[in-house]
Amino acid sequence: MEIIRTISWMKETVRQARAENHVIGFIPTMGALHEGHLSLIRRARVDCSRVYASIFLNPTQFGPNEDLSKYPKTFRV
């Protein structure tokens, strides 16, 4: 497992994988990983030669009465 921390790093990683003719699977998440995410990852590992999952908690997806600070976060660095 590799943790990619920037958009430019991710773009370069995927560009290189595509140049090597890898089939890419991508599972976008907002963190709070659960069995549904893991099921998608397992399926992508069958169908794809490279699998990436994003863990991005986007504050703009929360409305004024929704509490971003209480959203479950399963991955912290």
PDB file of N, CA and C in Angstrom:
ATOM      1  N   MET A   1       0.846  -1.168   0.000  1.00  0.00           N
ATOM      2  CA  MET A   1       0.000   0.000   0.000  1.00  0.00           C
ATOM      3  C   MET A   1       0.892   1.231   0.000  1.00  0.00           C
ATOM      4  N   GLU A   2       0.492   2.190  -0.785  1.00  0.00           N
ATOM      5  CA  GLU A   2       1.191   3.462  -0.854  1.00  0.00           C
ATOM      6  C   GLU A   2       0.186   4.564  -0.556  1.00  0.00           C
ATOM      7  N   ILE A   3       0.565   5.508   0.267  1.00  0.00           N
ATOM      8  CA  ILE A   3      -0.301   6.650   0.561  1.00  0.00           C
ATOM      9  C   ILE A   3       0.151   7.808  -0.305  1.00  0.00           C
ATOM     10  N   ILE A   4      -0.743   8.247  -1.175  1.00  0.00           N
ATOM     11  CA  ILE A   4      -0.460   9.353  -2.087  1.00  0.00           C
ATOM     12  C   ILE A   4      -1.122  10.594  -1.511  1.00  0.00           C
ATOM     13  N   ARG A   5      -0.348  11.642  -1.320  1.00  0.00           N
ATOM     14  CA  ARG A   5      -0.847  12.788  -0.574  1.00  0.00           C
ATOM     15  C   ARG A   5      -1.161  14.031  -1.404  1.00  0.00           C
ATOM     16  N   THR A   6      -0.860  14.020  -2.687  1.00  0.00           N
ATOM     17  CA  THR A   6      -1.140  15.205  -3.491  1.00  0.00           C
ATOM     18  C   THR A   6      -1.814  14.796  -4.802  1.00  0.00           C
ATOM     19  N   ILE A   7      -2.545  15.733  -5.369  1.00  0.00           N
ATOM     20  CA  ILE A   7      -3.207  15.481  -6.654  1.00  0.00           C
ATOM     21  C   ILE A   7      -2.165  15.234  -7.742  1.00  0.00           C
ATOM     22  N   SER A   8      -1.112  16.030  -7.750  1.00  0.00           N
ATOM     23  CA  SER A   8      -0.097  15.869  -8.796  1.00  0.00           C
ATOM     24  C   SER A   8       0.587  14.502  -8.693  1.00  0.00           C
ATOM     25  N   TRP A   9       0.828  14.045  -7.488  1.00  0.00           N
ATOM     26  CA  TRP A   9       1.427  12.719  -7.276  1.00  0.00           C
ATOM     27  C   TRP A   9       0.475  11.635  -7.787  1.00  0.00           C
ATOM     28  N   MET A  10      -0.812  11.788  -7.502  1.00  0.00           N
ATOM     29  CA  MET A  10      -1.798  10.812  -7.962  1.00  0.00           C
ATOM     30  C   MET A  10      -1.867  10.796  -9.484  1.00  0.00           C
ATOM     31  N   LYS A  11      -1.898  11.978 -10.089  1.00  0.00           N
ATOM     32  CA  LYS A  11      -1.946  12.056 -11.555  1.00  0.00           C
ATOM     33  C   LYS A  11      -0.737  11.364 -12.184  1.00  0.00           C
ATOM     34  N   GLU A  12       0.426  11.580 -11.628  1.00  0.00           N
ATOM     35  CA  GLU A  12       1.645  10.966 -12.165  1.00  0.00           C
ATOM     36  C   GLU A  12       1.615   9.455 -11.970  1.00  0.00           C
ATOM     37  N   THR A  13       1.157   8.995 -10.829  1.00  0.00           N
ATOM     38  CA  THR A  13       1.064   7.563 -10.557  1.00  0.00           C
ATOM     39  C   THR A  13       0.141   6.884 -11.557  1.00  0.00           C
ATOM     40  N   VAL A  14      -1.020   7.488 -11.801  1.00  0.00           N
ATOM     41  CA  VAL A  14      -1.983   6.919 -12.745  1.00  0.00           C
ATOM     42  C   VAL A  14      -1.458   7.016 -14.179  1.00  0.00           C
ATOM     43  N   ARG A  15      -0.822   8.129 -14.516  1.00  0.00           N
ATOM     44  CA  ARG A  15      -0.257   8.282 -15.860  1.00  0.00           C
ATOM     45  C   ARG A  15       0.742   7.164 -16.137  1.00  0.00           C
ATOM     46  N   GLN A  16       1.590   6.908 -15.166  1.00  0.00           N
ATOM     47  CA  GLN A  16       2.595   5.859 -15.324  1.00  0.00           C
ATOM     48  C   GLN A  16       1.935   4.481 -15.429  1.00  0.00           C
ATOM     49  N   ALA A  17       0.921   4.225 -14.610  1.00  0.00           N
ATOM     50  CA  ALA A  17       0.227   2.935 -14.669  1.00  0.00           C
ATOM     51  C   ALA A  17      -0.434   2.736 -16.033  1.00  0.00           C
ATOM     52  N   ARG A  18      -1.050   3.778 -16.550  1.00  0.00           N
ATOM     53  CA  ARG A  18      -1.681   3.680 -17.877  1.00  0.00           C
ATOM     54  C   ARG A  18      -0.630   3.467 -18.974  1.00  0.00           C
ATOM     55  N   ALA A  19       0.508   4.130 -18.841  1.00  0.00           N
ATOM     56  CA  ALA A  19       1.585   3.964 -19.824  1.00  0.00           C
ATOM     57  C   ALA A  19       2.081   2.520 -19.843  1.00  0.00           C
ATOM     58  N   GLU A  20       1.950   1.838 -18.703  1.00  0.00           N
ATOM     59  CA  GLU A  20       2.340   0.433 -18.605  1.00  0.00           C
ATOM     60  C   GLU A  20       1.163  -0.500 -18.903  1.00  0.00           C
ATOM     61  N   ASN A  21       0.089   0.074 -19.459  1.00  0.00           N
ATOM     62  CA  ASN A  21      -1.115  -0.673 -19.863  1.00  0.00           C
ATOM     63  C   ASN A  21      -1.845  -1.362 -18.719  1.00  0.00           C
ATOM     64  N   HIS A  22      -1.793  -0.785 -17.536  1.00  0.00           N
ATOM     65  CA  HIS A  22      -2.552  -1.334 -16.418  1.00  0.00           C
ATOM     66  C   HIS A  22      -4.001  -0.877 -16.505  1.00  0.00           C
ATOM     67  N   VAL A  23      -4.898  -1.749 -16.091  1.00  0.00           N
ATOM     68  CA  VAL A  23      -6.306  -1.399 -15.956  1.00  0.00           C
ATOM     69  C   VAL A  23      -6.479  -0.857 -14.539  1.00  0.00           C
ATOM     70  N   ILE A  24      -7.077   0.329 -14.438  1.00  0.00           N
ATOM     71  CA  ILE A  24      -7.139   1.030 -13.161  1.00  0.00           C
ATOM     72  C   ILE A  24      -8.542   0.966 -12.575  1.00  0.00           C
ATOM     73  N   GLY A  25      -8.607   0.607 -11.308  1.00  0.00           N
ATOM     74  CA  GLY A  25      -9.856   0.661 -10.545  1.00  0.00           C
ATOM     75  C   GLY A  25      -9.749   1.794  -9.543  1.00  0.00           C
ATOM     76  N   PHE A  26     -10.832   2.554  -9.380  1.00  0.00           N
ATOM     77  CA  PHE A  26     -10.817   3.700  -8.462  1.00  0.00           C
ATOM     78  C   PHE A  26     -12.071   3.676  -7.604  1.00  0.00           C
ATOM     79  N   ILE A  27     -11.883   3.729  -6.297  1.00  0.00           N
ATOM     80  CA  ILE A  27     -12.986   3.739  -5.351  1.00  0.00           C
ATOM     81  C   ILE A  27     -12.913   5.035  -4.556  1.00  0.00           C
ATOM     82  N   PRO A  28     -13.785   6.010  -4.855  1.00  0.00           N
ATOM     83  CA  PRO A  28     -13.775   7.265  -4.111  1.00  0.00           C
ATOM     84  C   PRO A  28     -14.566   7.117  -2.806  1.00  0.00           C
ATOM     85  N   THR A  29     -14.011   7.602  -1.711  1.00  0.00           N
ATOM     86  CA  THR A  29     -14.718   7.557  -0.430  1.00  0.00           C
ATOM     87  C   THR A  29     -14.548   8.891   0.285  1.00  0.00           C
ATOM     88  N   MET A  30     -15.351   9.064   1.320  1.00  0.00           N
ATOM     89  CA  MET A  30     -15.191  10.210   2.208  1.00  0.00           C
ATOM     90  C   MET A  30     -14.644   9.723   3.553  1.00  0.00           C
ATOM     91  N   GLY A  31     -13.892   8.659   3.528  1.00  0.00           N
ATOM     92  CA  GLY A  31     -13.412   8.084   4.778  1.00  0.00           C
ATOM     93  C   GLY A  31     -14.534   7.247   5.364  1.00  0.00           C
ATOM     94  N   ALA A  32     -14.573   7.106   6.674  1.00  0.00           N
ATOM     95  CA  ALA A  32     -15.583   6.274   7.339  1.00  0.00           C
ATOM     96  C   ALA A  32     -15.725   4.951   6.585  1.00  0.00           C
ATOM     97  N   LEU A  33     -14.578   4.325   6.343  1.00  0.00           N
ATOM     98  CA  LEU A  33     -14.548   3.101   5.543  1.00  0.00           C
ATOM     99  C   LEU A  33     -15.399   2.006   6.175  1.00  0.00           C
ATOM    100  N   HIS A  34     -16.110   1.285   5.328  1.00  0.00           N
ATOM    101  CA  HIS A  34     -16.993   0.228   5.805  1.00  0.00           C
ATOM    102  C   HIS A  34     -16.943  -0.940   4.828  1.00  0.00           C
ATOM    103  N   GLU A  35     -17.687  -1.976   5.124  1.00  0.00           N
ATOM    104  CA  GLU A  35     -17.656  -3.204   4.324  1.00  0.00           C
ATOM    105  C   GLU A  35     -18.018  -2.945   2.865  1.00  0.00           C
ATOM    106  N   GLY A  36     -18.896  -1.999   2.602  1.00  0.00           N
ATOM    107  CA  GLY A  36     -19.246  -1.678   1.217  1.00  0.00           C
ATOM    108  C   GLY A  36     -18.035  -1.214   0.424  1.00  0.00           C
ATOM    109  N   HIS A  37     -17.218  -0.348   1.031  1.00  0.00           N
ATOM    110  CA  HIS A  37     -15.989   0.102   0.372  1.00  0.00           C
ATOM    111  C   HIS A  37     -15.051  -1.080   0.143  1.00  0.00           C
ATOM    112  N   LEU A  38     -14.894  -1.896   1.170  1.00  0.00           N
ATOM    113  CA  LEU A  38     -13.985  -3.038   1.057  1.00  0.00           C
ATOM    114  C   LEU A  38     -14.458  -4.019  -0.012  1.00  0.00           C
ATOM    115  N   SER A  39     -15.762  -4.173  -0.150  1.00  0.00           N
ATOM    116  CA  SER A  39     -16.318  -5.031  -1.195  1.00  0.00           C
ATOM    117  C   SER A  39     -15.956  -4.490  -2.580  1.00  0.00           C
ATOM    118  N   LEU A  40     -16.053  -3.170  -2.757  1.00  0.00           N
ATOM    119  CA  LEU A  40     -15.677  -2.562  -4.038  1.00  0.00           C
ATOM    120  C   LEU A  40     -14.184  -2.736  -4.316  1.00  0.00           C
ATOM    121  N   ILE A  41     -13.375  -2.606  -3.281  1.00  0.00           N
ATOM    122  CA  ILE A  41     -11.927  -2.783  -3.447  1.00  0.00           C
ATOM    123  C   ILE A  41     -11.614  -4.227  -3.839  1.00  0.00           C
ATOM    124  N   ARG A  42     -12.248  -5.182  -3.158  1.00  0.00           N
ATOM    125  CA  ARG A  42     -12.018  -6.595  -3.500  1.00  0.00           C
ATOM    126  C   ARG A  42     -12.424  -6.878  -4.946  1.00  0.00           C
ATOM    127  N   ARG A  43     -13.542  -6.336  -5.369  1.00  0.00           N
ATOM    128  CA  ARG A  43     -13.994  -6.554  -6.751  1.00  0.00           C
ATOM    129  C   ARG A  43     -13.010  -5.923  -7.742  1.00  0.00           C
ATOM    130  N   ALA A  44     -12.560  -4.709  -7.436  1.00  0.00           N
ATOM    131  CA  ALA A  44     -11.615  -4.026  -8.327  1.00  0.00           C
ATOM    132  C   ALA A  44     -10.312  -4.815  -8.434  1.00  0.00           C
ATOM    133  N   ARG A  45      -9.906  -5.465  -7.363  1.00  0.00           N
ATOM    134  CA  ARG A  45      -8.671  -6.258  -7.411  1.00  0.00           C
ATOM    135  C   ARG A  45      -8.805  -7.441  -8.351  1.00  0.00           C
ATOM    136  N   VAL A  46     -10.019  -7.930  -8.548  1.00  0.00           N
ATOM    137  CA  VAL A  46     -10.263  -9.030  -9.488  1.00  0.00           C
ATOM    138  C   VAL A  46     -10.213  -8.509 -10.924  1.00  0.00           C
ATOM    139  N   ASP A  47     -10.828  -7.343 -11.143  1.00  0.00           N
ATOM    140  CA  ASP A  47     -11.005  -6.818 -12.499  1.00  0.00           C
ATOM    141  C   ASP A  47      -9.878  -5.903 -12.983  1.00  0.00           C
ATOM    142  N   CYS A  48      -9.061  -5.418 -12.085  1.00  0.00           N
ATOM    143  CA  CYS A  48      -8.080  -4.379 -12.445  1.00  0.00           C
ATOM    144  C   CYS A  48      -6.680  -4.780 -11.986  1.00  0.00           C
ATOM    145  N   SER A  49      -5.679  -4.238 -12.661  1.00  0.00           N
ATOM    146  CA  SER A  49      -4.305  -4.539 -12.262  1.00  0.00           C
ATOM    147  C   SER A  49      -3.749  -3.510 -11.280  1.00  0.00           C
ATOM    148  N   ARG A  50      -4.392  -2.360 -11.170  1.00  0.00           N
ATOM    149  CA  ARG A  50      -4.038  -1.343 -10.170  1.00  0.00           C
ATOM    150  C   ARG A  50      -5.332  -0.835  -9.548  1.00  0.00           C
ATOM    151  N   VAL A  51      -5.354  -0.735  -8.220  1.00  0.00           N
ATOM    152  CA  VAL A  51      -6.552  -0.273  -7.518  1.00  0.00           C
ATOM    153  C   VAL A  51      -6.173   0.888  -6.614  1.00  0.00           C
ATOM    154  N   TYR A  52      -6.961   1.961  -6.721  1.00  0.00           N
ATOM    155  CA  TYR A  52      -6.748   3.157  -5.904  1.00  0.00           C
ATOM    156  C   TYR A  52      -8.052   3.488  -5.189  1.00  0.00           C
ATOM    157  N   ALA A  53      -7.932   3.913  -3.951  1.00  0.00           N
ATOM    158  CA  ALA A  53      -9.092   4.389  -3.196  1.00  0.00           C
ATOM    159  C   ALA A  53      -8.743   5.760  -2.646  1.00  0.00           C
ATOM    160  N   SER A  54      -9.643   6.701  -2.844  1.00  0.00           N
ATOM    161  CA  SER A  54      -9.411   8.023  -2.275  1.00  0.00           C
ATOM    162  C   SER A  54     -10.108   8.092  -0.918  1.00  0.00           C
ATOM    163  N   ILE A  55      -9.496   8.810  -0.026  1.00  0.00           N
ATOM    164  CA  ILE A  55     -10.112   9.098   1.264  1.00  0.00           C
ATOM    165  C   ILE A  55     -10.049  10.609   1.409  1.00  0.00           C
ATOM    166  N   PHE A  56     -11.141  11.255   0.991  1.00  0.00           N
ATOM    167  CA  PHE A  56     -11.165  12.715   0.972  1.00  0.00           C
ATOM    168  C   PHE A  56     -12.463  13.195   1.583  1.00  0.00           C
ATOM    169  N   LEU A  57     -12.354  13.837   2.713  1.00  0.00           N
ATOM    170  CA  LEU A  57     -13.507  14.401   3.396  1.00  0.00           C
ATOM    171  C   LEU A  57     -13.619  15.861   2.969  1.00  0.00           C
ATOM    172  N   ASN A  58     -14.544  16.133   2.070  1.00  0.00           N
ATOM    173  CA  ASN A  58     -14.680  17.451   1.461  1.00  0.00           C
ATOM    174  C   ASN A  58     -15.630  18.320   2.284  1.00  0.00           C
ATOM    175  N   PRO A  59     -15.111  19.348   2.945  1.00  0.00           N
ATOM    176  CA  PRO A  59     -15.957  20.209   3.781  1.00  0.00           C
ATOM    177  C   PRO A  59     -17.095  20.872   3.008  1.00  0.00           C
ATOM    178  N   THR A  60     -16.920  21.080   1.705  1.00  0.00           N
ATOM    179  CA  THR A  60     -17.974  21.756   0.938  1.00  0.00           C
ATOM    180  C   THR A  60     -19.190  20.851   0.720  1.00  0.00           C
ATOM    181  N   GLN A  61     -19.070  19.573   1.034  1.00  0.00           N
ATOM    182  CA  GLN A  61     -20.201  18.663   0.896  1.00  0.00           C
ATOM    183  C   GLN A  61     -21.124  18.699   2.110  1.00  0.00           C
ATOM    184  N   PHE A  62     -20.772  19.466   3.106  1.00  0.00           N
ATOM    185  CA  PHE A  62     -21.578  19.567   4.314  1.00  0.00           C
ATOM    186  C   PHE A  62     -22.329  20.894   4.315  1.00  0.00           C
ATOM    187  N   GLY A  63     -23.618  20.818   4.605  1.00  0.00           N
ATOM    188  CA  GLY A  63     -24.441  22.020   4.678  1.00  0.00           C
ATOM    189  C   GLY A  63     -24.248  22.749   5.991  1.00  0.00           C
ATOM    190  N   PRO A  64     -24.878  23.908   6.129  1.00  0.00           N
ATOM    191  CA  PRO A  64     -24.702  24.733   7.329  1.00  0.00           C
ATOM    192  C   PRO A  64     -25.172  24.065   8.617  1.00  0.00           C
ATOM    193  N   ASN A  65     -26.127  23.123   8.537  1.00  0.00           N
ATOM    194  CA  ASN A  65     -26.628  22.462   9.749  1.00  0.00           C
ATOM    195  C   ASN A  65     -26.065  21.058   9.924  1.00  0.00           C
ATOM    196  N   GLU A  66     -25.047  20.717   9.142  1.00  0.00           N
ATOM    197  CA  GLU A  66     -24.411  19.413   9.254  1.00  0.00           C
ATOM    198  C   GLU A  66     -23.059  19.599   9.925  1.00  0.00           C
ATOM    199  N   ASP A  67     -22.716  18.707  10.816  1.00  0.00           N
ATOM    200  CA  ASP A  67     -21.510  18.890  11.621  1.00  0.00           C
ATOM    201  C   ASP A  67     -20.335  18.096  11.060  1.00  0.00           C
ATOM    202  N   LEU A  68     -19.498  18.769  10.306  1.00  0.00           N
ATOM    203  CA  LEU A  68     -18.302  18.156   9.721  1.00  0.00           C
ATOM    204  C   LEU A  68     -17.407  17.559  10.808  1.00  0.00           C
ATOM    205  N   SER A  69     -17.287  18.224  11.932  1.00  0.00           N
ATOM    206  CA  SER A  69     -16.382  17.753  12.988  1.00  0.00           C
ATOM    207  C   SER A  69     -16.826  16.419  13.585  1.00  0.00           C
ATOM    208  N   LYS A  70     -18.102  16.062  13.448  1.00  0.00           N
ATOM    209  CA  LYS A  70     -18.598  14.798  14.004  1.00  0.00           C
ATOM    210  C   LYS A  70     -18.649  13.673  12.979  1.00  0.00           C
ATOM    211  N   TYR A  71     -18.295  13.971  11.717  1.00  0.00           N
ATOM    212  CA  TYR A  71     -18.304  12.929  10.691  1.00  0.00           C
ATOM    213  C   TYR A  71     -17.221  11.913  11.031  1.00  0.00           C
ATOM    214  N   PRO A  72     -17.533  10.609  10.978  1.00  0.00           N
ATOM    215  CA  PRO A  72     -16.525   9.605  11.356  1.00  0.00           C
ATOM    216  C   PRO A  72     -15.314   9.623  10.427  1.00  0.00           C
ATOM    217  N   LYS A  73     -14.152   9.622  11.027  1.00  0.00           N
ATOM    218  CA  LYS A  73     -12.902   9.617  10.268  1.00  0.00           C
ATOM    219  C   LYS A  73     -12.113   8.378  10.674  1.00  0.00           C
ATOM    220  N   THR A  74     -11.897   7.492   9.711  1.00  0.00           N
ATOM    221  CA  THR A  74     -11.218   6.237  10.036  1.00  0.00           C
ATOM    222  C   THR A  74      -9.758   6.256   9.652  1.00  0.00           C
ATOM    223  N   PHE A  75      -9.292   7.327   9.065  1.00  0.00           N
ATOM    224  CA  PHE A  75      -7.900   7.385   8.630  1.00  0.00           C
ATOM    225  C   PHE A  75      -7.356   8.771   8.931  1.00  0.00           C
ATOM    226  N   ARG A  76      -6.380   8.839   9.784  1.00  0.00           N
ATOM    227  CA  ARG A  76      -5.773  10.134  10.128  1.00  0.00           C
ATOM    228  C   ARG A  76      -4.259  10.030   9.959  1.00  0.00           C
ATOM    229  N   VAL A  77      -3.694  11.101   9.463  1.00  0.00           N
ATOM    230  CA  VAL A  77      -2.244  11.155   9.342  1.00  0.00           C
ATOM    231  C   VAL A  77      -1.738  12.488   9.818  1.00  0.00           C
TER     232      VAL A  77
END
